[in-house]
Amino acid sequence: MSWPVLECQGRKIGYARVSTKDQKLRMQLDGLNAMGCDLIFEDHGISGADASRPGLDEMLKELRAGDTVVVFKLDRLGRSVLNLADLLVRFQQQGIEFCSMSEGINTTTPGGKLVFHIFSAVAEFHRDLIIENTVAGMEAARRRGAKIGRPHKLSPDAIAGAHELVYQRNLPVIEAARRFCVSPATVLRAFDRSGLER
């Protein structure tokens, strides 16, 4: 199989993940090594749905502007479309390129840069839907005569804004909470209530 040619100024940082203990990383690692990755981070036996992925977390700490993140397949990086979109928007903002070998995505090329814009639009669209659905759900409950309880401290717009700060701009939850004058627990509960990943 031929892989995309990857011309980049900085380091090539590989990431590989399999979901179960009995799966093997060999095929992904062979591909990442064939691409000439300088460093490879791994998560073995960790589902994409897991909130914490040690290998991914370590890679995100290691990345710096000019690096290119390389994965064997797109679904190895993100646990959902929104999670993937958040990561790609974050890469773009930090000056980090991205390459997915199987899909031939390479943001170091003019055509590949379109991927960043598409996923940025997807993330924004998804958050808009969450805001709209949250507001509509509360309104429908009121019309049915349901008691909503005391108002939540964060509005739907504020929840979406806090999620963007944490997952696209890499701000700690405690700092995002400070900006909205609430506790970190309030922010995390708001993410859960609104169906946003964390």
C-alpha atoms as a PDB file:
ATOM      1  CA  MET A   1       0.000   0.000   0.000  1.00  0.00           C
ATOM      2  CA  SER A   2       1.327   3.477  -0.851  1.00  0.00           C
ATOM      3  CA  TRP A   3       1.089   6.204   1.760  1.00  0.00           C
ATOM      4  CA  PRO A   4       0.820   9.964   1.240  1.00  0.00           C
ATOM      5  CA  VAL A   5       4.128  11.795   0.877  1.00  0.00           C
ATOM      6  CA  LEU A   6       4.556  13.908   3.974  1.00  0.00           C
ATOM      7  CA  GLU A   7       6.786  16.954   3.632  1.00  0.00           C
ATOM      8  CA  CYS A   8       6.959  18.872   6.879  1.00  0.00           C
ATOM      9  CA  GLN A   9       9.316  21.266   8.626  1.00  0.00           C
ATOM     10  CA  GLY A  10       8.877  19.948  12.162  1.00  0.00           C
ATOM     11  CA  ARG A  11       8.640  16.535  13.758  1.00  0.00           C
ATOM     12  CA  LYS A  12       6.279  13.747  12.718  1.00  0.00           C
ATOM     13  CA  ILE A  13       4.417  12.581  15.813  1.00  0.00           C
ATOM     14  CA  GLY A  14       2.528   9.301  15.465  1.00  0.00           C
ATOM     15  CA  TYR A  15      -0.462   8.108  17.466  1.00  0.00           C
ATOM     16  CA  ALA A  16      -1.843   4.554  17.508  1.00  0.00           C
ATOM     17  CA  ARG A  17      -4.790   3.084  19.416  1.00  0.00           C
ATOM     18  CA  VAL A  18      -6.644  -0.210  19.668  1.00  0.00           C
ATOM     19  CA  SER A  19      -9.827  -0.654  21.685  1.00  0.00           C
ATOM     20  CA  THR A  20      -9.346  -4.075  23.275  1.00  0.00           C
ATOM     21  CA  LYS A  21      -6.461  -5.917  24.907  1.00  0.00           C
ATOM     22  CA  ASP A  22      -6.488  -8.714  22.313  1.00  0.00           C
ATOM     23  CA  GLN A  23      -6.122  -6.343  19.359  1.00  0.00           C
ATOM     24  CA  LYS A  24      -2.638  -5.593  18.080  1.00  0.00           C
ATOM     25  CA  LEU A  25      -1.020  -2.272  17.260  1.00  0.00           C
ATOM     26  CA  ARG A  26       1.410  -3.871  14.786  1.00  0.00           C
ATOM     27  CA  MET A  27      -0.233  -2.718  11.533  1.00  0.00           C
ATOM     28  CA  GLN A  28      -0.613   0.862  12.775  1.00  0.00           C
ATOM     29  CA  LEU A  29       2.952   0.964  14.118  1.00  0.00           C
ATOM     30  CA  ASP A  30       4.375  -0.441  10.871  1.00  0.00           C
ATOM     31  CA  GLY A  31       2.567   2.289   8.930  1.00  0.00           C
ATOM     32  CA  LEU A  32       3.660   5.073  11.302  1.00  0.00           C
ATOM     33  CA  ASN A  33       7.267   3.875  11.165  1.00  0.00           C
ATOM     34  CA  ALA A  34       7.079   3.758   7.352  1.00  0.00           C
ATOM     35  CA  MET A  35       6.046   7.423   7.455  1.00  0.00           C
ATOM     36  CA  GLY A  36       9.223   8.205   9.394  1.00  0.00           C
ATOM     37  CA  CYS A  37       7.611   9.287  12.668  1.00  0.00           C
ATOM     38  CA  ASP A  38      10.071  10.739  15.164  1.00  0.00           C
ATOM     39  CA  LEU A  39       7.901   9.791  18.162  1.00  0.00           C
ATOM     40  CA  ILE A  40       4.954   7.407  18.459  1.00  0.00           C
ATOM     41  CA  PHE A  41       2.422   7.446  21.297  1.00  0.00           C
ATOM     42  CA  GLU A  42       0.190   4.435  21.957  1.00  0.00           C
ATOM     43  CA  ASP A  43      -3.045   3.564  23.725  1.00  0.00           C
ATOM     44  CA  HIS A  44      -3.571  -0.189  23.958  1.00  0.00           C
ATOM     45  CA  GLY A  45      -6.851  -1.715  25.091  1.00  0.00           C
ATOM     46  CA  ILE A  46      -8.525   1.674  25.494  1.00  0.00           C
ATOM     47  CA  SER A  47     -11.877   2.375  23.900  1.00  0.00           C
ATOM     48  CA  GLY A  48     -12.322   5.570  21.936  1.00  0.00           C
ATOM     49  CA  ALA A  49     -15.220   6.321  24.287  1.00  0.00           C
ATOM     50  CA  ASP A  50     -12.903   6.499  27.304  1.00  0.00           C
ATOM     51  CA  ALA A  51     -12.537  10.029  28.591  1.00  0.00           C
ATOM     52  CA  SER A  52      -8.890   9.521  29.510  1.00  0.00           C
ATOM     53  CA  ARG A  53      -6.391   8.120  27.060  1.00  0.00           C
ATOM     54  CA  PRO A  54      -2.891   8.316  28.581  1.00  0.00           C
ATOM     55  CA  GLY A  55      -1.036   7.995  25.275  1.00  0.00           C
ATOM     56  CA  LEU A  56      -3.101  10.725  23.624  1.00  0.00           C
ATOM     57  CA  ASP A  57      -2.782  12.959  26.682  1.00  0.00           C
ATOM     58  CA  GLU A  58       1.019  12.563  26.617  1.00  0.00           C
ATOM     59  CA  MET A  59       1.119  13.321  22.893  1.00  0.00           C
ATOM     60  CA  LEU A  60      -0.935  16.500  23.329  1.00  0.00           C
ATOM     61  CA  LYS A  61       1.522  17.681  26.006  1.00  0.00           C
ATOM     62  CA  GLU A  62       4.478  16.945  23.723  1.00  0.00           C
ATOM     63  CA  LEU A  63       3.196  18.711  20.587  1.00  0.00           C
ATOM     64  CA  ARG A  64       4.560  22.074  19.525  1.00  0.00           C
ATOM     65  CA  ALA A  65       4.025  24.382  16.558  1.00  0.00           C
ATOM     66  CA  GLY A  66       5.414  22.943  13.323  1.00  0.00           C
ATOM     67  CA  ASP A  67       4.840  19.295  14.308  1.00  0.00           C
ATOM     68  CA  THR A  68       2.623  16.994  12.247  1.00  0.00           C
ATOM     69  CA  VAL A  69       0.364  14.446  13.953  1.00  0.00           C
ATOM     70  CA  VAL A  70       0.172  11.195  11.970  1.00  0.00           C
ATOM     71  CA  VAL A  71      -2.454   8.466  12.462  1.00  0.00           C
ATOM     72  CA  PHE A  72      -3.092   5.267  10.526  1.00  0.00           C
ATOM     73  CA  LYS A  73      -6.848   5.926  10.327  1.00  0.00           C
ATOM     74  CA  LEU A  74      -8.999   8.893  11.257  1.00  0.00           C
ATOM     75  CA  ASP A  75     -11.042   6.945  13.823  1.00  0.00           C
ATOM     76  CA  ARG A  76      -7.896   6.083  15.795  1.00  0.00           C
ATOM     77  CA  LEU A  77      -7.615   9.711  16.933  1.00  0.00           C
ATOM     78  CA  GLY A  78     -11.157  10.849  17.771  1.00  0.00           C
ATOM     79  CA  ARG A  79     -13.782   8.973  19.758  1.00  0.00           C
ATOM     80  CA  SER A  80     -16.564  10.818  17.897  1.00  0.00           C
ATOM     81  CA  VAL A  81     -16.967  13.390  15.143  1.00  0.00           C
ATOM     82  CA  LEU A  82     -17.172  16.200  17.715  1.00  0.00           C
ATOM     83  CA  ASN A  83     -14.119  14.977  19.613  1.00  0.00           C
ATOM     84  CA  LEU A  84     -12.186  14.653  16.353  1.00  0.00           C
ATOM     85  CA  ALA A  85     -13.315  18.121  15.277  1.00  0.00           C
ATOM     86  CA  ASP A  86     -12.184  19.603  18.611  1.00  0.00           C
ATOM     87  CA  LEU A  87      -8.744  18.016  18.244  1.00  0.00           C
ATOM     88  CA  LEU A  88      -8.281  19.165  14.640  1.00  0.00           C
ATOM     89  CA  VAL A  89      -9.386  22.721  15.457  1.00  0.00           C
ATOM     90  CA  ARG A  90      -6.959  22.675  18.378  1.00  0.00           C
ATOM     91  CA  PHE A  91      -4.139  21.504  16.065  1.00  0.00           C
ATOM     92  CA  GLN A  92      -4.921  24.286  13.603  1.00  0.00           C
ATOM     93  CA  GLN A  93      -4.881  26.943  16.328  1.00  0.00           C
ATOM     94  CA  GLN A  94      -1.550  25.651  17.649  1.00  0.00           C
ATOM     95  CA  GLY A  95       0.130  25.516  14.224  1.00  0.00           C
ATOM     96  CA  ILE A  96       0.184  21.700  14.133  1.00  0.00           C
ATOM     97  CA  GLU A  97      -0.416  19.804  10.885  1.00  0.00           C
ATOM     98  CA  PHE A  98      -2.315  16.513  10.580  1.00  0.00           C
ATOM     99  CA  CYS A  99      -2.039  13.422   8.395  1.00  0.00           C
ATOM    100  CA  SER A 100      -4.333  10.378   8.292  1.00  0.00           C
ATOM    101  CA  MET A 101      -2.654   7.711   6.214  1.00  0.00           C
ATOM    102  CA  SER A 102      -5.600   5.519   5.182  1.00  0.00           C
ATOM    103  CA  GLU A 103      -7.816   8.426   4.112  1.00  0.00           C
ATOM    104  CA  GLY A 104      -4.949  10.297   2.424  1.00  0.00           C
ATOM    105  CA  ILE A 105      -5.590  13.439   4.505  1.00  0.00           C
ATOM    106  CA  ASN A 106      -2.578  15.713   4.692  1.00  0.00           C
ATOM    107  CA  THR A 107      -3.046  19.286   5.902  1.00  0.00           C
ATOM    108  CA  THR A 108       0.440  20.289   4.766  1.00  0.00           C
ATOM    109  CA  THR A 109      -1.053  20.413   1.239  1.00  0.00           C
ATOM    110  CA  PRO A 110      -3.448  23.132   0.013  1.00  0.00           C
ATOM    111  CA  GLY A 111      -6.239  20.584  -0.521  1.00  0.00           C
ATOM    112  CA  GLY A 112      -5.643  19.041   2.891  1.00  0.00           C
ATOM    113  CA  LYS A 113      -6.117  22.373   4.639  1.00  0.00           C
ATOM    114  CA  LEU A 114      -9.792  22.173   3.686  1.00  0.00           C
ATOM    115  CA  VAL A 115     -10.112  19.360   6.258  1.00  0.00           C
ATOM    116  CA  PHE A 116      -9.402  21.807   9.088  1.00  0.00           C
ATOM    117  CA  HIS A 117     -12.153  24.128   7.853  1.00  0.00           C
ATOM    118  CA  ILE A 118     -14.668  21.308   7.437  1.00  0.00           C
ATOM    119  CA  PHE A 119     -14.123  19.956  10.941  1.00  0.00           C
ATOM    120  CA  SER A 120     -14.191  23.454  12.411  1.00  0.00           C
ATOM    121  CA  ALA A 121     -17.599  23.949  10.788  1.00  0.00           C
ATOM    122  CA  VAL A 122     -18.770  20.555  12.073  1.00  0.00           C
ATOM    123  CA  ALA A 123     -17.781  21.443  15.650  1.00  0.00           C
ATOM    124  CA  GLU A 124     -19.553  24.796  15.463  1.00  0.00           C
ATOM    125  CA  PHE A 125     -22.670  23.227  13.924  1.00  0.00           C
ATOM    126  CA  HIS A 126     -22.821  20.532  16.604  1.00  0.00           C
ATOM    127  CA  ARG A 127     -22.570  23.066  19.413  1.00  0.00           C
ATOM    128  CA  ASP A 128     -25.258  25.225  17.819  1.00  0.00           C
ATOM    129  CA  LEU A 129     -27.548  22.174  17.735  1.00  0.00           C
ATOM    130  CA  ILE A 130     -26.864  21.461  21.407  1.00  0.00           C
ATOM    131  CA  ILE A 131     -27.707  25.045  22.367  1.00  0.00           C
ATOM    132  CA  GLU A 132     -30.861  24.976  20.250  1.00  0.00           C
ATOM    133  CA  ASN A 133     -31.978  21.593  21.616  1.00  0.00           C
ATOM    134  CA  THR A 134     -31.290  22.597  25.229  1.00  0.00           C
ATOM    135  CA  VAL A 135     -33.344  25.764  24.903  1.00  0.00           C
ATOM    136  CA  ALA A 136     -36.155  23.947  23.037  1.00  0.00           C
ATOM    137  CA  GLY A 137     -36.230  21.166  25.632  1.00  0.00           C
ATOM    138  CA  MET A 138     -36.562  23.613  28.505  1.00  0.00           C
ATOM    139  CA  GLU A 139     -39.304  25.512  26.670  1.00  0.00           C
ATOM    140  CA  ALA A 140     -41.240  22.313  25.945  1.00  0.00           C
ATOM    141  CA  ALA A 141     -40.968  21.282  29.603  1.00  0.00           C
ATOM    142  CA  ARG A 142     -42.332  24.649  30.700  1.00  0.00           C
ATOM    143  CA  ARG A 143     -45.290  24.331  28.317  1.00  0.00           C
ATOM    144  CA  ARG A 144     -46.093  20.930  29.809  1.00  0.00           C
ATOM    145  CA  GLY A 145     -46.133  22.561  33.237  1.00  0.00           C
ATOM    146  CA  ALA A 146     -42.991  20.813  34.434  1.00  0.00           C
ATOM    147  CA  LYS A 147     -41.030  22.442  37.218  1.00  0.00           C
ATOM    148  CA  ILE A 148     -37.607  23.182  35.802  1.00  0.00           C
ATOM    149  CA  GLY A 149     -36.084  23.834  39.220  1.00  0.00           C
ATOM    150  CA  ARG A 150     -33.765  26.694  39.962  1.00  0.00           C
ATOM    151  CA  PRO A 151     -32.036  28.153  36.903  1.00  0.00           C
ATOM    152  CA  HIS A 152     -28.703  26.650  35.955  1.00  0.00           C
ATOM    153  CA  LYS A 153     -25.701  28.885  36.489  1.00  0.00           C
ATOM    154  CA  LEU A 154     -24.508  28.492  32.889  1.00  0.00           C
ATOM    155  CA  SER A 155     -26.653  29.371  29.884  1.00  0.00           C
ATOM    156  CA  PRO A 156     -26.500  27.137  26.778  1.00  0.00           C
ATOM    157  CA  ASP A 157     -24.267  29.747  25.093  1.00  0.00           C
ATOM    158  CA  ALA A 158     -21.940  29.809  28.103  1.00  0.00           C
ATOM    159  CA  ILE A 159     -21.744  26.009  28.142  1.00  0.00           C
ATOM    160  CA  ALA A 160     -20.737  25.929  24.473  1.00  0.00           C
ATOM    161  CA  GLY A 161     -18.199  28.687  25.094  1.00  0.00           C
ATOM    162  CA  ALA A 162     -16.667  26.872  28.057  1.00  0.00           C
ATOM    163  CA  HIS A 163     -16.460  23.638  26.053  1.00  0.00           C
ATOM    164  CA  GLU A 164     -14.618  25.449  23.271  1.00  0.00           C
ATOM    165  CA  LEU A 165     -12.138  26.952  25.760  1.00  0.00           C
ATOM    166  CA  VAL A 166     -11.352  23.550  27.242  1.00  0.00           C
ATOM    167  CA  TYR A 167     -11.338  21.287  24.199  1.00  0.00           C
ATOM    168  CA  GLN A 168     -10.175  23.574  21.395  1.00  0.00           C
ATOM    169  CA  ARG A 169      -8.099  26.190  23.194  1.00  0.00           C
ATOM    170  CA  ASN A 170      -6.598  23.743  25.706  1.00  0.00           C
ATOM    171  CA  LEU A 171      -7.601  25.796  28.756  1.00  0.00           C
ATOM    172  CA  PRO A 172      -7.825  23.879  32.059  1.00  0.00           C
ATOM    173  CA  VAL A 173     -11.385  23.364  33.295  1.00  0.00           C
ATOM    174  CA  ILE A 174     -10.579  25.343  36.431  1.00  0.00           C
ATOM    175  CA  GLU A 175      -9.587  28.369  34.311  1.00  0.00           C
ATOM    176  CA  ALA A 176     -12.669  28.102  32.084  1.00  0.00           C
ATOM    177  CA  ALA A 177     -14.798  27.924  35.246  1.00  0.00           C
ATOM    178  CA  ARG A 178     -13.098  31.039  36.627  1.00  0.00           C
ATOM    179  CA  ARG A 179     -13.946  32.973  33.462  1.00  0.00           C
ATOM    180  CA  PHE A 180     -17.615  32.137  33.919  1.00  0.00           C
ATOM    181  CA  CYS A 181     -17.537  32.679  37.710  1.00  0.00           C
ATOM    182  CA  VAL A 182     -18.581  29.111  38.546  1.00  0.00           C
ATOM    183  CA  SER A 183     -16.890  26.037  40.002  1.00  0.00           C
ATOM    184  CA  PRO A 184     -15.147  23.420  37.814  1.00  0.00           C
ATOM    185  CA  ALA A 185     -17.774  20.885  38.953  1.00  0.00           C
ATOM    186  CA  THR A 186     -20.523  23.164  37.635  1.00  0.00           C
ATOM    187  CA  VAL A 187     -18.800  23.321  34.248  1.00  0.00           C
ATOM    188  CA  LEU A 188     -18.392  19.537  34.030  1.00  0.00           C
ATOM    189  CA  ARG A 189     -22.009  18.925  35.085  1.00  0.00           C
ATOM    190  CA  ALA A 190     -23.139  21.394  32.421  1.00  0.00           C
ATOM    191  CA  PHE A 191     -21.155  19.486  29.767  1.00  0.00           C
ATOM    192  CA  ASP A 192     -22.811  16.223  30.835  1.00  0.00           C
ATOM    193  CA  ARG A 193     -26.274  17.773  30.964  1.00  0.00           C
ATOM    194  CA  SER A 194     -25.869  19.191  27.456  1.00  0.00           C
ATOM    195  CA  GLY A 195     -24.489  16.004  25.923  1.00  0.00           C
ATOM    196  CA  LEU A 196     -21.042  17.485  25.320  1.00  0.00           C
ATOM    197  CA  GLU A 197     -18.086  15.150  25.634  1.00  0.00           C
ATOM    198  CA  ARG A 198     -15.401  15.460  28.256  1.00  0.00           C
END
